[in-house]
Amino acid sequence: MSVKLSVLKPGKTATIASIDANEPGLLRRLEAMGFKIGQQVKVLRKAWLNGPLHVRVGLTTEVAMRRHE
């Protein structure tokens, strides 16, 4: 079952199955932060009103990102 990262509830963990980046630069930036197919991600927090997501990639990297990214 595939779901978007923005749909996961805080505290839930998932494995990246695909990355749908609209721009090549965004894809490179996400990969540099550790977002790679097969990597574990955990949603730590979600801001209100479609604000940013706070996620952990792997064991140590934490990233705040806009939901549409």
Protein backbone atom coordinates (compact mmCIF):
# COMPACT_ATOMS: atom_id res chain seq x y z
CA MET A 1 0.00 0.00 0.00
CA SER A 2 1.53 3.32 -1.05
CA VAL A 3 0.72 6.61 0.65
CA LYS A 4 2.24 10.06 0.42
CA LEU A 5 4.46 11.22 3.25
CA SER A 6 2.10 14.13 3.92
CA VAL A 7 -0.71 11.65 4.72
CA LEU A 8 1.19 9.73 7.43
CA LYS A 9 0.21 10.54 11.00
CA PRO A 10 2.86 11.74 13.47
CA GLY A 11 4.70 8.80 15.03
CA LYS A 12 4.21 6.56 12.00
CA THR A 13 7.14 5.08 10.10
CA ALA A 14 7.24 4.11 6.43
CA THR A 15 9.72 2.94 3.81
CA ILE A 16 10.27 5.13 0.75
CA ALA A 17 9.01 3.24 -2.32
CA SER A 18 9.31 6.10 -4.82
CA ILE A 19 10.15 9.78 -4.98
CA ASP A 20 7.95 12.02 -7.10
CA ALA A 21 9.92 15.25 -7.48
CA ASN A 22 8.75 17.80 -10.04
CA GLU A 23 12.20 19.29 -10.52
CA PRO A 24 15.57 17.57 -10.98
CA GLY A 25 17.11 19.98 -8.44
CA LEU A 26 14.55 18.97 -5.81
CA LEU A 27 15.28 15.28 -6.40
CA ARG A 28 19.03 15.85 -5.92
CA ARG A 29 18.42 17.90 -2.77
CA LEU A 30 16.13 15.23 -1.26
CA GLU A 31 18.65 12.49 -2.05
CA ALA A 32 21.43 14.55 -0.44
CA MET A 33 19.33 14.71 2.75
CA GLY A 34 18.91 10.93 2.76
CA PHE A 35 15.55 10.47 1.01
CA LYS A 36 16.33 7.37 -1.06
CA ILE A 37 14.24 4.39 -2.11
CA GLY A 38 14.28 1.78 0.65
CA GLN A 39 15.12 4.31 3.39
CA GLN A 40 12.95 4.49 6.54
CA VAL A 41 11.19 7.78 7.33
CA LYS A 42 9.19 8.75 10.41
CA VAL A 43 6.82 11.70 10.68
CA LEU A 44 7.63 13.46 13.94
CA ARG A 45 5.27 16.45 13.70
CA LYS A 46 2.83 18.11 11.32
CA ALA A 47 2.14 21.83 11.49
CA TRP A 48 -1.44 23.08 11.28
CA LEU A 49 -3.05 24.52 8.17
CA ASN A 50 -0.89 22.61 5.70
CA GLY A 51 2.30 23.83 7.35
CA PRO A 52 5.60 21.97 7.16
CA LEU A 53 6.32 18.37 8.14
CA HIS A 54 9.07 17.46 10.59
CA VAL A 55 10.43 14.05 9.57
CA ARG A 56 13.33 11.79 10.52
CA VAL A 57 15.14 10.08 7.67
CA GLY A 58 17.13 7.03 8.68
CA LEU A 59 18.34 7.10 12.28
CA THR A 60 19.77 10.58 12.72
CA THR A 61 18.71 13.08 10.06
CA GLU A 62 15.75 15.34 10.86
CA VAL A 63 14.24 17.59 8.21
CA ALA A 64 11.45 20.17 8.13
CA MET A 65 9.89 20.31 4.69
CA ARG A 66 6.88 21.76 2.91
CA ARG A 67 4.11 19.24 2.36
CA HIS A 68 4.08 19.63 -1.42
CA GLU A 69 7.75 18.62 -1.59
